[in-house]
Amino acid sequence: DGHGAPAGQERPRSESVVEIVNDDMPFLLDSVLSELAERGIDVRFVVHPVFSVERDQAGHLTAFKGIKPAPGALRESVIYIHIERIDDEARRAEIVEGIEQVLADVRLCVGDWRTMIARVKETIAELKANPPPLPAAEIDEAVAFLQWLVDNNFTFLGIRNYEFTDGGDKLEPVFESGLGILRSRAMGVVQRWNRPLVITPEMRALLKAPTA
């Protein structure tokens, strides 16, 4: 917008623009806005349409089908955000890197969602079939809680198994069991997981329970 600028010159934009095109999936917009908020960035305008498109094998757009679903077309999310003007190239690069990481995490969570739900259901079945040596009321409460989680009352971001070592005195992650964002070895679940924990008899009785 060059209104009010000297002849032949355009007034610099007072805003920066973030444009994101992605496969349509849950949590995209909220995750991106949360990332911007964590960085203290002022968001001034947001548009998030979902379009039906066709692309060739190289990913080039070959047809635009509009807003409604169309047979054989891909559903793509377009996020268009106006934010405060950011001139510093290093800061812009950090923002882009942060958003890319968030989008990668969302893809992992969505892609592993059904597998994570199945993992929890397996745990419920195991607790019922082979209950640990704990009072029945505690086992029933644990089963009811896990069942409540899988009944669409909780968003699973990641699941990873942990096991006790050193005679039950140390809790260690089983990294190869990770799903969602817990596929990453760098992602911790409990703060300072490699520090000594106070291990209770109840924890020892649940050696194979997954932690999400």
N, C-alpha and C. Protein backbone atom coordinates (compact mmCIF):
# COMPACT_ATOMS: atom_id res chain seq x y z
N ASP A 1 0.86 -1.17 0.00
CA ASP A 1 0.00 0.00 0.00
C ASP A 1 0.90 1.23 0.00
N GLY A 2 0.95 1.98 -1.13
CA GLY A 2 1.82 3.13 -1.22
C GLY A 2 1.10 4.44 -1.01
N HIS A 3 -0.16 4.41 -0.48
CA HIS A 3 -0.93 5.64 -0.30
C HIS A 3 -0.20 6.60 0.63
N GLY A 4 -0.01 7.83 0.23
CA GLY A 4 0.63 8.83 1.08
C GLY A 4 2.14 8.87 0.92
N ALA A 5 2.73 7.98 0.15
CA ALA A 5 4.17 7.96 -0.04
C ALA A 5 4.55 8.92 -1.15
N PRO A 6 5.81 9.40 -1.19
CA PRO A 6 6.25 10.28 -2.28
C PRO A 6 6.05 9.61 -3.64
N ALA A 7 5.90 10.43 -4.67
CA ALA A 7 5.68 9.92 -6.02
C ALA A 7 6.80 8.97 -6.41
N GLY A 8 6.41 7.82 -6.94
CA GLY A 8 7.37 6.84 -7.42
C GLY A 8 7.91 5.93 -6.33
N GLN A 9 7.46 6.16 -5.10
CA GLN A 9 7.93 5.31 -4.00
C GLN A 9 6.73 4.65 -3.31
N GLU A 10 6.95 3.45 -2.83
CA GLU A 10 5.92 2.75 -2.08
C GLU A 10 6.25 2.81 -0.61
N ARG A 11 5.23 3.06 0.20
CA ARG A 11 5.44 3.06 1.64
C ARG A 11 5.71 1.64 2.10
N PRO A 12 6.74 1.41 2.93
CA PRO A 12 7.01 0.05 3.41
C PRO A 12 5.81 -0.52 4.15
N ARG A 13 5.59 -1.79 4.00
CA ARG A 13 4.49 -2.45 4.70
C ARG A 13 4.72 -2.34 6.20
N SER A 14 3.64 -2.16 6.93
CA SER A 14 3.72 -2.10 8.38
C SER A 14 3.55 -3.49 9.01
N GLU A 15 3.42 -4.51 8.17
CA GLU A 15 3.21 -5.86 8.66
C GLU A 15 4.06 -6.84 7.86
N SER A 16 4.33 -7.98 8.48
CA SER A 16 4.92 -9.11 7.77
C SER A 16 3.82 -10.14 7.56
N VAL A 17 4.00 -10.99 6.57
CA VAL A 17 2.97 -11.96 6.20
C VAL A 17 3.53 -13.37 6.27
N VAL A 18 2.79 -14.25 6.91
CA VAL A 18 3.14 -15.66 6.98
C VAL A 18 2.13 -16.43 6.12
N GLU A 19 2.62 -17.20 5.16
CA GLU A 19 1.77 -18.01 4.30
C GLU A 19 2.18 -19.46 4.42
N ILE A 20 1.22 -20.34 4.71
CA ILE A 20 1.51 -21.76 4.90
C ILE A 20 0.50 -22.57 4.10
N VAL A 21 1.01 -23.51 3.30
CA VAL A 21 0.17 -24.45 2.58
C VAL A 21 0.54 -25.85 3.04
N ASN A 22 -0.44 -26.61 3.47
CA ASN A 22 -0.17 -27.92 4.05
C ASN A 22 -1.31 -28.87 3.74
N ASP A 23 -1.05 -30.17 3.84
CA ASP A 23 -2.14 -31.12 3.79
C ASP A 23 -3.12 -30.79 4.91
N ASP A 24 -4.40 -30.86 4.63
CA ASP A 24 -5.38 -30.54 5.67
C ASP A 24 -5.36 -31.61 6.75
N MET A 25 -5.29 -31.16 8.00
CA MET A 25 -5.31 -32.07 9.14
C MET A 25 -5.67 -31.26 10.39
N PRO A 26 -6.05 -31.91 11.47
CA PRO A 26 -6.41 -31.17 12.69
C PRO A 26 -5.22 -30.44 13.28
N PHE A 27 -5.51 -29.43 14.10
CA PHE A 27 -4.56 -28.75 14.98
C PHE A 27 -3.61 -27.79 14.27
N LEU A 28 -3.71 -27.62 12.97
CA LEU A 28 -2.73 -26.79 12.27
C LEU A 28 -2.77 -25.34 12.72
N LEU A 29 -3.94 -24.71 12.64
CA LEU A 29 -4.03 -23.28 12.93
C LEU A 29 -3.71 -23.00 14.39
N ASP A 30 -4.31 -23.75 15.30
CA ASP A 30 -4.06 -23.52 16.73
C ASP A 30 -2.58 -23.68 17.06
N SER A 31 -1.93 -24.67 16.45
CA SER A 31 -0.52 -24.91 16.74
C SER A 31 0.36 -23.78 16.23
N VAL A 32 0.07 -23.28 15.04
CA VAL A 32 0.85 -22.18 14.48
C VAL A 32 0.65 -20.91 15.31
N LEU A 33 -0.60 -20.61 15.67
CA LEU A 33 -0.86 -19.42 16.48
C LEU A 33 -0.21 -19.52 17.85
N SER A 34 -0.20 -20.73 18.42
CA SER A 34 0.45 -20.92 19.72
C SER A 34 1.95 -20.67 19.62
N GLU A 35 2.56 -21.14 18.53
CA GLU A 35 3.99 -20.91 18.32
C GLU A 35 4.29 -19.42 18.22
N LEU A 36 3.48 -18.69 17.49
CA LEU A 36 3.68 -17.24 17.37
C LEU A 36 3.48 -16.55 18.71
N ALA A 37 2.47 -17.00 19.47
CA ALA A 37 2.21 -16.39 20.77
C ALA A 37 3.36 -16.62 21.73
N GLU A 38 3.94 -17.82 21.70
CA GLU A 38 5.07 -18.13 22.57
C GLU A 38 6.27 -17.23 22.27
N ARG A 39 6.37 -16.81 21.04
CA ARG A 39 7.47 -15.92 20.65
C ARG A 39 7.13 -14.45 20.84
N GLY A 40 5.95 -14.18 21.38
CA GLY A 40 5.56 -12.80 21.66
C GLY A 40 5.26 -11.99 20.42
N ILE A 41 4.80 -12.64 19.36
CA ILE A 41 4.56 -11.96 18.10
C ILE A 41 3.10 -11.53 18.01
N ASP A 42 2.89 -10.29 17.65
CA ASP A 42 1.54 -9.72 17.54
C ASP A 42 0.88 -10.19 16.24
N VAL A 43 -0.21 -10.93 16.37
CA VAL A 43 -0.98 -11.42 15.21
C VAL A 43 -2.13 -10.45 14.95
N ARG A 44 -2.24 -9.97 13.72
CA ARG A 44 -3.21 -8.93 13.40
C ARG A 44 -4.33 -9.39 12.49
N PHE A 45 -4.09 -10.44 11.75
CA PHE A 45 -5.12 -10.89 10.79
C PHE A 45 -4.87 -12.35 10.45
N VAL A 46 -5.94 -13.15 10.41
CA VAL A 46 -5.80 -14.58 10.13
C VAL A 46 -6.91 -15.03 9.19
N VAL A 47 -6.53 -15.76 8.16
CA VAL A 47 -7.48 -16.42 7.27
C VAL A 47 -7.03 -17.86 7.11
N HIS A 48 -7.98 -18.80 7.19
CA HIS A 48 -7.61 -20.22 7.10
C HIS A 48 -8.63 -21.01 6.27
N PRO A 49 -8.62 -20.82 4.95
CA PRO A 49 -9.50 -21.64 4.11
C PRO A 49 -8.89 -23.02 3.83
N VAL A 50 -9.74 -23.96 3.47
CA VAL A 50 -9.30 -25.28 3.03
C VAL A 50 -9.82 -25.48 1.60
N PHE A 51 -8.91 -25.79 0.67
CA PHE A 51 -9.27 -25.89 -0.74
C PHE A 51 -9.07 -27.32 -1.25
N SER A 52 -9.79 -27.65 -2.29
CA SER A 52 -9.59 -28.90 -3.03
C SER A 52 -8.74 -28.59 -4.25
N VAL A 53 -7.64 -29.34 -4.41
CA VAL A 53 -6.73 -29.08 -5.52
C VAL A 53 -6.26 -30.39 -6.11
N GLU A 54 -5.65 -30.30 -7.27
CA GLU A 54 -4.98 -31.44 -7.89
C GLU A 54 -3.53 -31.06 -8.17
N ARG A 55 -2.62 -32.01 -7.95
CA ARG A 55 -1.20 -31.77 -8.19
C ARG A 55 -0.62 -32.95 -8.95
N ASP A 56 0.47 -32.66 -9.70
CA ASP A 56 1.13 -33.75 -10.41
C ASP A 56 2.12 -34.44 -9.46
N GLN A 57 2.84 -35.44 -9.95
CA GLN A 57 3.73 -36.21 -9.09
C GLN A 57 4.86 -35.36 -8.51
N ALA A 58 5.19 -34.29 -9.16
CA ALA A 58 6.24 -33.39 -8.66
C ALA A 58 5.70 -32.39 -7.65
N GLY A 59 4.39 -32.41 -7.42
CA GLY A 59 3.79 -31.49 -6.46
C GLY A 59 3.31 -30.19 -7.05
N HIS A 60 3.40 -30.04 -8.37
CA HIS A 60 2.95 -28.79 -9.00
C HIS A 60 1.42 -28.77 -9.09
N LEU A 61 0.86 -27.61 -8.83
CA LEU A 61 -0.60 -27.44 -8.90
C LEU A 61 -1.06 -27.54 -10.35
N THR A 62 -2.04 -28.43 -10.58
CA THR A 62 -2.57 -28.61 -11.93
C THR A 62 -4.03 -28.21 -12.05
N ALA A 63 -4.74 -28.15 -10.92
CA ALA A 63 -6.14 -27.76 -10.97
C ALA A 63 -6.59 -27.26 -9.60
N PHE A 64 -7.42 -26.23 -9.62
CA PHE A 64 -8.01 -25.69 -8.39
C PHE A 64 -9.50 -25.97 -8.42
N LYS A 65 -9.99 -26.72 -7.42
CA LYS A 65 -11.38 -27.17 -7.41
C LYS A 65 -12.29 -26.39 -6.47
N GLY A 66 -11.74 -25.41 -5.77
CA GLY A 66 -12.57 -24.59 -4.89
C GLY A 66 -12.61 -25.10 -3.46
N ILE A 67 -13.60 -24.62 -2.72
CA ILE A 67 -13.70 -24.90 -1.29
C ILE A 67 -14.29 -26.27 -1.01
N LYS A 68 -15.26 -26.71 -1.81
CA LYS A 68 -15.95 -27.96 -1.53
C LYS A 68 -15.07 -29.17 -1.90
N PRO A 69 -15.22 -30.28 -1.18
CA PRO A 69 -14.50 -31.51 -1.56
C PRO A 69 -14.86 -31.92 -2.98
N ALA A 70 -13.87 -32.44 -3.70
CA ALA A 70 -14.08 -32.87 -5.09
C ALA A 70 -13.47 -34.25 -5.27
N PRO A 71 -14.12 -35.12 -6.06
CA PRO A 71 -13.60 -36.48 -6.27
C PRO A 71 -12.17 -36.46 -6.79
N GLY A 72 -11.29 -37.21 -6.14
CA GLY A 72 -9.91 -37.33 -6.58
C GLY A 72 -9.02 -36.15 -6.23
N ALA A 73 -9.58 -35.12 -5.62
CA ALA A 73 -8.79 -33.94 -5.30
C ALA A 73 -8.22 -34.03 -3.89
N LEU A 74 -7.10 -33.33 -3.68
CA LEU A 74 -6.49 -33.24 -2.36
C LEU A 74 -7.14 -32.11 -1.58
N ARG A 75 -7.20 -32.26 -0.28
CA ARG A 75 -7.69 -31.18 0.58
C ARG A 75 -6.47 -30.51 1.23
N GLU A 76 -6.30 -29.22 0.94
CA GLU A 76 -5.12 -28.52 1.44
C GLU A 76 -5.53 -27.32 2.29
N SER A 77 -4.81 -27.18 3.39
CA SER A 77 -5.00 -26.06 4.32
C SER A 77 -4.13 -24.89 3.88
N VAL A 78 -4.72 -23.71 3.80
CA VAL A 78 -3.98 -22.49 3.49
C VAL A 78 -4.13 -21.55 4.68
N ILE A 79 -3.02 -21.26 5.34
CA ILE A 79 -3.02 -20.35 6.49
C ILE A 79 -2.32 -19.06 6.08
N TYR A 80 -3.03 -17.97 6.22
CA TYR A 80 -2.51 -16.65 5.81
C TYR A 80 -2.61 -15.74 7.02
N ILE A 81 -1.47 -15.28 7.54
CA ILE A 81 -1.44 -14.52 8.78
C ILE A 81 -0.65 -13.23 8.60
N HIS A 82 -1.23 -12.12 9.03
CA HIS A 82 -0.50 -10.85 9.12
C HIS A 82 0.02 -10.72 10.54
N ILE A 83 1.32 -10.45 10.68
CA ILE A 83 1.91 -10.25 11.99
C ILE A 83 2.65 -8.90 11.99
N GLU A 84 3.15 -8.52 13.16
CA GLU A 84 3.92 -7.29 13.24
C GLU A 84 5.09 -7.33 12.26
N ARG A 85 5.51 -6.17 11.81
CA ARG A 85 6.61 -6.11 10.85
C ARG A 85 7.90 -6.60 11.51
N ILE A 86 8.58 -7.53 10.87
CA ILE A 86 9.84 -8.07 11.37
C ILE A 86 10.89 -7.91 10.28
N ASP A 87 11.84 -7.04 10.52
CA ASP A 87 12.88 -6.75 9.53
C ASP A 87 14.11 -7.62 9.70
N ASP A 88 14.38 -8.07 10.92
CA ASP A 88 15.59 -8.82 11.20
C ASP A 88 15.53 -10.21 10.55
N GLU A 89 16.47 -10.47 9.65
CA GLU A 89 16.45 -11.73 8.91
C GLU A 89 16.64 -12.93 9.83
N ALA A 90 17.50 -12.79 10.82
CA ALA A 90 17.74 -13.90 11.74
C ALA A 90 16.48 -14.25 12.52
N ARG A 91 15.74 -13.25 12.96
CA ARG A 91 14.50 -13.51 13.68
C ARG A 91 13.46 -14.14 12.77
N ARG A 92 13.39 -13.66 11.52
CA ARG A 92 12.44 -14.27 10.57
C ARG A 92 12.77 -15.74 10.36
N ALA A 93 14.06 -16.04 10.24
CA ALA A 93 14.48 -17.43 10.05
C ALA A 93 14.12 -18.29 11.26
N GLU A 94 14.26 -17.73 12.46
CA GLU A 94 13.90 -18.47 13.66
C GLU A 94 12.40 -18.76 13.70
N ILE A 95 11.60 -17.79 13.28
CA ILE A 95 10.15 -17.98 13.26
C ILE A 95 9.77 -19.08 12.27
N VAL A 96 10.38 -19.02 11.08
CA VAL A 96 10.09 -20.05 10.07
C VAL A 96 10.50 -21.43 10.58
N GLU A 97 11.67 -21.52 11.20
CA GLU A 97 12.13 -22.80 11.73
C GLU A 97 11.19 -23.31 12.81
N GLY A 98 10.73 -22.41 13.69
CA GLY A 98 9.80 -22.81 14.74
C GLY A 98 8.49 -23.33 14.18
N ILE A 99 7.95 -22.64 13.18
CA ILE A 99 6.68 -23.06 12.58
C ILE A 99 6.86 -24.40 11.86
N GLU A 100 7.97 -24.57 11.16
CA GLU A 100 8.22 -25.84 10.48
C GLU A 100 8.28 -27.00 11.48
N GLN A 101 8.90 -26.78 12.64
CA GLN A 101 8.98 -27.83 13.65
C GLN A 101 7.61 -28.15 14.21
N VAL A 102 6.80 -27.11 14.44
CA VAL A 102 5.44 -27.32 14.94
C VAL A 102 4.62 -28.12 13.95
N LEU A 103 4.73 -27.79 12.68
CA LEU A 103 3.97 -28.51 11.66
C LEU A 103 4.44 -29.96 11.55
N ALA A 104 5.73 -30.19 11.71
CA ALA A 104 6.24 -31.56 11.70
C ALA A 104 5.70 -32.34 12.89
N ASP A 105 5.63 -31.69 14.06
CA ASP A 105 5.07 -32.35 15.25
C ASP A 105 3.60 -32.68 15.05
N VAL A 106 2.85 -31.75 14.47
CA VAL A 106 1.43 -32.00 14.22
C VAL A 106 1.26 -33.21 13.29
N ARG A 107 2.09 -33.29 12.25
CA ARG A 107 1.99 -34.42 11.32
C ARG A 107 2.26 -35.74 12.03
N LEU A 108 3.25 -35.76 12.92
CA LEU A 108 3.55 -36.97 13.68
C LEU A 108 2.37 -37.36 14.57
N CYS A 109 1.81 -36.39 15.26
CA CYS A 109 0.69 -36.67 16.17
C CYS A 109 -0.52 -37.20 15.42
N VAL A 110 -0.86 -36.54 14.32
CA VAL A 110 -2.02 -36.97 13.54
C VAL A 110 -1.77 -38.32 12.89
N GLY A 111 -0.56 -38.52 12.35
CA GLY A 111 -0.25 -39.79 11.69
C GLY A 111 -0.25 -40.96 12.64
N ASP A 112 0.15 -40.75 13.90
CA ASP A 112 0.23 -41.83 14.88
C ASP A 112 -1.00 -41.92 15.77
N TRP A 113 -1.98 -41.08 15.56
CA TRP A 113 -3.13 -41.00 16.48
C TRP A 113 -3.81 -42.35 16.67
N ARG A 114 -4.15 -43.02 15.59
CA ARG A 114 -4.86 -44.30 15.73
C ARG A 114 -3.98 -45.34 16.43
N THR A 115 -2.70 -45.34 16.12
CA THR A 115 -1.79 -46.30 16.76
C THR A 115 -1.68 -46.02 18.26
N MET A 116 -1.66 -44.74 18.63
CA MET A 116 -1.60 -44.39 20.05
C MET A 116 -2.87 -44.82 20.78
N ILE A 117 -4.02 -44.61 20.16
CA ILE A 117 -5.27 -45.05 20.76
C ILE A 117 -5.26 -46.56 20.95
N ALA A 118 -4.78 -47.28 19.93
CA ALA A 118 -4.71 -48.74 20.01
C ALA A 118 -3.79 -49.18 21.14
N ARG A 119 -2.68 -48.46 21.33
CA ARG A 119 -1.72 -48.79 22.40
C ARG A 119 -2.40 -48.69 23.76
N VAL A 120 -3.18 -47.63 23.96
CA VAL A 120 -3.85 -47.46 25.25
C VAL A 120 -4.92 -48.53 25.44
N LYS A 121 -5.64 -48.86 24.37
CA LYS A 121 -6.65 -49.91 24.48
C LYS A 121 -6.02 -51.25 24.82
N GLU A 122 -4.83 -51.51 24.27
CA GLU A 122 -4.11 -52.74 24.62
C GLU A 122 -3.75 -52.76 26.10
N THR A 123 -3.37 -51.59 26.61
CA THR A 123 -3.04 -51.50 28.03
C THR A 123 -4.26 -51.76 28.90
N ILE A 124 -5.40 -51.23 28.48
CA ILE A 124 -6.65 -51.47 29.22
C ILE A 124 -6.96 -52.96 29.25
N ALA A 125 -6.84 -53.60 28.09
CA ALA A 125 -7.12 -55.04 28.01
C ALA A 125 -6.15 -55.84 28.87
N GLU A 126 -4.88 -55.43 28.89
CA GLU A 126 -3.88 -56.12 29.69
C GLU A 126 -4.16 -55.97 31.19
N LEU A 127 -4.55 -54.77 31.60
CA LEU A 127 -4.87 -54.56 33.01
C LEU A 127 -6.06 -55.40 33.46
N LYS A 128 -7.00 -55.59 32.55
CA LYS A 128 -8.16 -56.41 32.89
C LYS A 128 -7.82 -57.90 32.89
N ALA A 129 -7.02 -58.32 31.93
CA ALA A 129 -6.72 -59.75 31.81
C ALA A 129 -5.65 -60.20 32.80
N ASN A 130 -4.65 -59.35 33.02
CA ASN A 130 -3.55 -59.70 33.93
C ASN A 130 -3.28 -58.55 34.88
N PRO A 131 -4.16 -58.33 35.82
CA PRO A 131 -4.00 -57.17 36.73
C PRO A 131 -2.75 -57.30 37.58
N PRO A 132 -2.08 -56.17 37.84
CA PRO A 132 -0.89 -56.18 38.71
C PRO A 132 -1.32 -56.40 40.16
N PRO A 133 -0.37 -56.70 41.04
CA PRO A 133 -0.70 -56.97 42.45
C PRO A 133 -1.03 -55.70 43.22
N LEU A 134 -2.17 -55.11 42.89
CA LEU A 134 -2.66 -53.90 43.53
C LEU A 134 -4.12 -54.11 43.94
N PRO A 135 -4.64 -53.31 44.85
CA PRO A 135 -6.06 -53.42 45.21
C PRO A 135 -6.95 -53.28 43.98
N ALA A 136 -8.01 -54.07 43.94
CA ALA A 136 -8.89 -54.07 42.77
C ALA A 136 -9.46 -52.68 42.49
N ALA A 137 -9.75 -51.92 43.54
CA ALA A 137 -10.33 -50.59 43.36
C ALA A 137 -9.37 -49.67 42.61
N GLU A 138 -8.06 -49.79 42.88
CA GLU A 138 -7.08 -48.97 42.19
C GLU A 138 -6.97 -49.35 40.72
N ILE A 139 -7.03 -50.65 40.46
CA ILE A 139 -6.97 -51.10 39.06
C ILE A 139 -8.20 -50.62 38.30
N ASP A 140 -9.37 -50.75 38.93
CA ASP A 140 -10.61 -50.29 38.28
C ASP A 140 -10.55 -48.80 37.99
N GLU A 141 -9.99 -48.05 38.92
CA GLU A 141 -9.89 -46.61 38.72
C GLU A 141 -8.95 -46.30 37.56
N ALA A 142 -7.83 -47.01 37.47
CA ALA A 142 -6.89 -46.80 36.37
C ALA A 142 -7.52 -47.14 35.04
N VAL A 143 -8.25 -48.26 34.99
CA VAL A 143 -8.91 -48.68 33.75
C VAL A 143 -9.95 -47.64 33.33
N ALA A 144 -10.74 -47.15 34.30
CA ALA A 144 -11.77 -46.16 33.99
C ALA A 144 -11.15 -44.87 33.46
N PHE A 145 -10.00 -44.49 34.03
CA PHE A 145 -9.33 -43.27 33.57
C PHE A 145 -8.81 -43.43 32.15
N LEU A 146 -8.15 -44.56 31.88
CA LEU A 146 -7.63 -44.79 30.53
C LEU A 146 -8.77 -44.86 29.51
N GLN A 147 -9.88 -45.48 29.90
CA GLN A 147 -11.02 -45.57 29.00
C GLN A 147 -11.58 -44.18 28.72
N TRP A 148 -11.61 -43.34 29.73
CA TRP A 148 -12.09 -41.97 29.57
C TRP A 148 -11.19 -41.22 28.59
N LEU A 149 -9.90 -41.45 28.65
CA LEU A 149 -8.97 -40.78 27.75
C LEU A 149 -9.25 -41.13 26.29
N VAL A 150 -9.48 -42.42 26.01
CA VAL A 150 -9.66 -42.85 24.62
C VAL A 150 -11.06 -42.56 24.10
N ASP A 151 -11.97 -42.15 24.97
CA ASP A 151 -13.33 -41.81 24.54
C ASP A 151 -13.40 -40.34 24.10
N ASN A 152 -12.42 -39.92 23.32
CA ASN A 152 -12.38 -38.56 22.75
C ASN A 152 -12.38 -37.47 23.81
N ASN A 153 -11.77 -37.74 24.95
CA ASN A 153 -11.66 -36.73 25.99
C ASN A 153 -10.24 -36.21 26.15
N PHE A 154 -9.33 -36.66 25.30
CA PHE A 154 -7.92 -36.31 25.45
C PHE A 154 -7.25 -36.34 24.10
N THR A 155 -6.37 -35.38 23.86
CA THR A 155 -5.61 -35.34 22.61
C THR A 155 -4.23 -35.94 22.87
N PHE A 156 -3.95 -37.07 22.26
CA PHE A 156 -2.67 -37.74 22.44
C PHE A 156 -1.62 -37.10 21.53
N LEU A 157 -0.60 -36.55 22.14
CA LEU A 157 0.51 -35.98 21.39
C LEU A 157 1.65 -36.97 21.23
N GLY A 158 1.79 -37.87 22.18
CA GLY A 158 2.86 -38.85 22.10
C GLY A 158 2.70 -39.91 23.16
N ILE A 159 3.24 -41.08 22.88
CA ILE A 159 3.26 -42.20 23.83
C ILE A 159 4.64 -42.83 23.78
N ARG A 160 5.14 -43.19 24.93
CA ARG A 160 6.43 -43.89 25.00
C ARG A 160 6.40 -44.82 26.21
N ASN A 161 6.94 -46.01 26.07
CA ASN A 161 7.04 -46.93 27.19
C ASN A 161 8.27 -46.60 28.03
N TYR A 162 8.15 -46.84 29.32
CA TYR A 162 9.28 -46.71 30.25
C TYR A 162 9.43 -48.03 31.01
N GLU A 163 10.65 -48.32 31.42
CA GLU A 163 10.87 -49.53 32.19
C GLU A 163 11.81 -49.23 33.37
N PHE A 164 11.66 -50.03 34.41
CA PHE A 164 12.50 -49.88 35.58
C PHE A 164 13.75 -50.74 35.43
N THR A 165 14.89 -50.17 35.77
CA THR A 165 16.17 -50.89 35.72
C THR A 165 16.85 -50.78 37.07
N ASP A 166 18.02 -51.38 37.19
CA ASP A 166 18.79 -51.34 38.43
C ASP A 166 17.94 -51.82 39.61
N GLY A 167 17.27 -52.96 39.41
CA GLY A 167 16.48 -53.52 40.48
C GLY A 167 15.23 -52.73 40.80
N GLY A 168 14.76 -51.97 39.84
CA GLY A 168 13.54 -51.19 40.05
C GLY A 168 13.78 -49.82 40.64
N ASP A 169 15.01 -49.35 40.66
CA ASP A 169 15.32 -48.06 41.26
C ASP A 169 15.53 -46.94 40.24
N LYS A 170 15.50 -47.27 38.95
CA LYS A 170 15.72 -46.26 37.93
C LYS A 170 14.73 -46.43 36.80
N LEU A 171 14.14 -45.33 36.36
CA LEU A 171 13.16 -45.33 35.28
C LEU A 171 13.83 -44.90 33.98
N GLU A 172 13.77 -45.78 32.96
CA GLU A 172 14.44 -45.50 31.69
C GLU A 172 13.44 -45.53 30.54
N PRO A 173 13.57 -44.59 29.59
CA PRO A 173 12.68 -44.60 28.42
C PRO A 173 13.06 -45.70 27.44
N VAL A 174 12.05 -46.32 26.85
CA VAL A 174 12.26 -47.28 25.76
C VAL A 174 12.01 -46.48 24.48
N PHE A 175 13.06 -45.87 23.94
CA PHE A 175 12.90 -44.91 22.85
C PHE A 175 12.25 -45.51 21.62
N GLU A 176 12.55 -46.77 21.32
CA GLU A 176 11.99 -47.37 20.11
C GLU A 176 10.49 -47.56 20.18
N SER A 177 9.89 -47.42 21.36
CA SER A 177 8.44 -47.57 21.51
C SER A 177 7.70 -46.25 21.27
N GLY A 178 8.44 -45.16 21.03
CA GLY A 178 7.82 -43.84 20.94
C GLY A 178 6.92 -43.66 19.74
N LEU A 179 5.82 -42.96 19.95
CA LEU A 179 4.88 -42.58 18.90
C LEU A 179 4.60 -41.09 19.02
N GLY A 180 4.12 -40.47 17.93
CA GLY A 180 3.85 -39.05 17.96
C GLY A 180 5.13 -38.27 18.20
N ILE A 181 5.03 -37.19 18.98
CA ILE A 181 6.22 -36.36 19.21
C ILE A 181 7.23 -37.10 20.08
N LEU A 182 6.83 -38.18 20.74
CA LEU A 182 7.78 -38.94 21.55
C LEU A 182 8.58 -39.94 20.72
N ARG A 183 8.47 -39.86 19.41
CA ARG A 183 9.43 -40.58 18.55
C ARG A 183 10.82 -39.96 18.71
N SER A 184 10.85 -38.67 19.05
CA SER A 184 12.12 -37.96 19.19
C SER A 184 12.77 -38.30 20.52
N ARG A 185 14.05 -38.67 20.47
CA ARG A 185 14.79 -38.95 21.70
C ARG A 185 15.01 -37.69 22.52
N ALA A 186 14.94 -36.54 21.86
CA ALA A 186 15.18 -35.29 22.56
C ALA A 186 13.96 -34.83 23.35
N MET A 187 12.81 -35.45 23.10
CA MET A 187 11.58 -35.02 23.76
C MET A 187 11.41 -35.73 25.08
N GLY A 188 11.41 -35.00 26.18
CA GLY A 188 11.22 -35.57 27.50
C GLY A 188 9.75 -35.55 27.90
N VAL A 189 9.38 -36.45 28.78
CA VAL A 189 8.01 -36.51 29.29
C VAL A 189 7.95 -35.95 30.70
N VAL A 190 8.81 -36.48 31.57
CA VAL A 190 8.92 -35.94 32.91
C VAL A 190 10.19 -35.11 32.96
N GLN A 191 10.15 -34.04 33.71
CA GLN A 191 11.32 -33.16 33.78
C GLN A 191 12.50 -33.91 34.37
N ARG A 192 13.63 -33.81 33.70
CA ARG A 192 14.86 -34.47 34.15
C ARG A 192 14.62 -35.97 34.33
N TRP A 193 14.17 -36.64 33.26
CA TRP A 193 13.83 -38.06 33.36
C TRP A 193 15.02 -38.91 33.78
N ASN A 194 16.25 -38.45 33.55
CA ASN A 194 17.42 -39.27 33.88
C ASN A 194 17.94 -39.02 35.30
N ARG A 195 17.18 -38.24 36.09
CA ARG A 195 17.54 -38.06 37.48
C ARG A 195 16.88 -39.16 38.31
N PRO A 196 17.46 -39.52 39.46
CA PRO A 196 16.86 -40.55 40.31
C PRO A 196 15.44 -40.18 40.74
N LEU A 197 14.54 -41.16 40.71
CA LEU A 197 13.17 -40.97 41.14
C LEU A 197 12.90 -41.78 42.40
N VAL A 198 11.89 -41.36 43.14
CA VAL A 198 11.45 -42.15 44.28
C VAL A 198 10.49 -43.20 43.75
N ILE A 199 10.90 -44.46 43.76
CA ILE A 199 10.12 -45.55 43.18
C ILE A 199 9.25 -46.17 44.28
N THR A 200 7.94 -46.15 44.06
CA THR A 200 7.01 -46.73 45.02
C THR A 200 6.67 -48.16 44.63
N PRO A 201 6.14 -48.96 45.57
CA PRO A 201 5.71 -50.33 45.20
C PRO A 201 4.67 -50.32 44.09
N GLU A 202 3.79 -49.30 44.07
CA GLU A 202 2.77 -49.24 43.03
C GLU A 202 3.41 -49.03 41.65
N MET A 203 4.47 -48.23 41.59
CA MET A 203 5.15 -48.02 40.32
C MET A 203 5.82 -49.29 39.85
N ARG A 204 6.42 -50.04 40.77
CA ARG A 204 7.05 -51.30 40.39
C ARG A 204 6.03 -52.29 39.85
N ALA A 205 4.78 -52.20 40.33
CA ALA A 205 3.74 -53.12 39.90
C ALA A 205 3.25 -52.82 38.50
N LEU A 206 3.64 -51.65 37.96
CA LEU A 206 3.18 -51.23 36.63
C LEU A 206 4.37 -51.07 35.69
N LEU A 207 5.28 -51.99 35.71
CA LEU A 207 6.52 -51.88 34.95
C LEU A 207 6.29 -51.67 33.46
N LYS A 208 5.23 -52.24 32.91
CA LYS A 208 5.04 -52.19 31.46
C LYS A 208 4.03 -51.12 31.05
N ALA A 209 3.59 -50.31 31.98
CA ALA A 209 2.59 -49.31 31.62
C ALA A 209 3.20 -48.22 30.77
N PRO A 210 2.52 -47.78 29.66
CA PRO A 210 3.05 -46.70 28.84
C PRO A 210 2.82 -45.35 29.50
N THR A 211 3.69 -44.42 29.22
CA THR A 211 3.53 -43.07 29.71
C THR A 211 3.27 -42.16 28.50
N ALA A 212 2.22 -41.33 28.55
CA ALA A 212 1.89 -40.45 27.43
C ALA A 212 2.09 -39.01 27.83
